[in-house]
Amino acid sequence: MESHHAIPMRLQPTFGNSLDIYANIVCLCPTCHRRVHYGVRGERIDMIRQIYHNRASRLANSGIRLSQDEFIDLADSAAE
C-alpha cells in the first residue's frame, strides 16, 4: 500500500490549515496510485469523486471545506 495526498502538498501555500493530515492522506494500492496520477482522466475523476465522498467530512472537520468540484479540480492537478 502507498500513501497519497488527495490535495497535493504543493498547494499548501493556498491553505490556512495543514494538508499533511490524516484526512488528506489515502491509502492506495500501487496500481491505483499510478492510475490517480497517470491514468485516463475519466478514471482519475471517478477515483477522486470516491475519495471526496469518503473524506469530505473528515477534511471539513480539519478546517478544509471544499465543494466536490473544487476538490476534483485540486486533486486532479496532481496529474499535471
Protein backbone atom coordinates (compact mmCIF):
# COMPACT_ATOMS: atom_id res chain seq x y z
CA MET A 1 0.00 0.00 0.00
CA GLU A 2 1.07 3.55 -0.73
CA SER A 3 0.03 6.87 0.76
CA HIS A 4 -1.38 9.60 -1.48
CA HIS A 5 -2.18 13.20 -0.58
CA ALA A 6 -5.61 13.79 -2.12
CA ILE A 7 -4.94 17.53 -2.23
CA PRO A 8 -1.32 17.83 -3.37
CA MET A 9 1.16 19.20 -0.83
CA ARG A 10 2.45 21.69 -3.41
CA LEU A 11 -0.85 23.55 -2.86
CA GLN A 12 -0.14 24.06 0.86
CA PRO A 13 0.55 27.82 0.47
CA THR A 14 -3.08 28.34 -0.60
CA PHE A 15 -4.49 26.77 2.58
CA GLY A 16 -4.52 28.10 6.13
CA ASN A 17 -4.66 24.58 7.55
CA SER A 18 -2.07 21.86 7.05
CA LEU A 19 -2.63 19.45 4.16
CA ASP A 20 -0.32 16.90 5.76
CA ILE A 21 -3.11 15.41 7.87
CA TYR A 22 -4.81 12.04 8.10
CA ALA A 23 -7.97 13.33 6.42
CA ASN A 24 -5.99 14.26 3.29
CA ILE A 25 -3.95 11.07 3.05
CA VAL A 26 -5.46 7.99 1.44
CA CYS A 27 -4.00 4.52 1.21
CA LEU A 28 -3.90 3.16 -2.34
CA CYS A 29 -2.52 0.01 -3.90
CA PRO A 30 0.39 0.75 -6.27
CA THR A 31 -1.80 0.24 -9.35
CA CYS A 32 -4.46 2.71 -8.15
CA HIS A 33 -1.80 5.17 -7.06
CA ARG A 34 -0.33 5.19 -10.57
CA ARG A 35 -3.83 5.45 -12.02
CA VAL A 36 -4.72 8.52 -9.94
CA HIS A 37 -1.52 10.24 -11.13
CA TYR A 38 -1.12 8.99 -14.70
CA GLY A 39 -4.33 7.26 -15.72
CA VAL A 40 -7.00 8.19 -18.19
CA ARG A 41 -8.69 11.38 -16.97
CA GLY A 42 -12.16 9.83 -16.67
CA GLU A 43 -10.84 7.06 -14.44
CA ARG A 44 -8.90 9.58 -12.33
CA ILE A 45 -12.00 11.72 -11.85
CA ASP A 46 -14.05 8.68 -10.79
CA MET A 47 -11.41 7.81 -8.19
CA ILE A 48 -11.22 11.41 -6.97
CA ARG A 49 -15.02 11.55 -6.58
CA GLN A 50 -14.89 8.41 -4.44
CA ILE A 51 -12.10 9.86 -2.32
CA TYR A 52 -14.14 13.05 -1.85
CA HIS A 53 -17.21 11.04 -0.85
CA ASN A 54 -15.15 9.16 1.75
CA ARG A 55 -13.13 12.13 3.05
CA ALA A 56 -15.19 15.34 2.73
CA SER A 57 -16.47 15.31 6.31
CA ARG A 58 -13.02 14.48 7.73
CA LEU A 59 -11.48 17.31 5.71
CA ALA A 60 -14.23 19.70 6.87
CA ASN A 61 -13.60 18.70 10.50
CA SER A 62 -9.95 19.61 9.89
CA GLY A 63 -10.89 23.05 8.56
CA ILE A 64 -10.65 22.20 4.86
CA ARG A 65 -14.08 22.82 3.37
CA LEU A 66 -14.37 22.27 -0.37
CA SER A 67 -17.19 21.51 -2.75
CA GLN A 68 -16.87 18.32 -4.77
CA ASP A 69 -15.98 20.34 -7.89
CA GLU A 70 -13.29 22.32 -6.03
CA PHE A 71 -11.86 19.10 -4.60
CA ILE A 72 -11.79 17.44 -8.03
CA ASP A 73 -10.00 20.41 -9.58
CA LEU A 74 -7.38 20.46 -6.83
CA ALA A 75 -6.91 16.70 -6.61
CA ASP A 76 -6.74 16.30 -10.38
CA SER A 77 -3.94 18.87 -10.52
CA ALA A 78 -1.67 16.14 -9.09
CA ALA A 79 -1.77 14.51 -12.52
CA GLU A 80 -0.32 17.56 -14.23
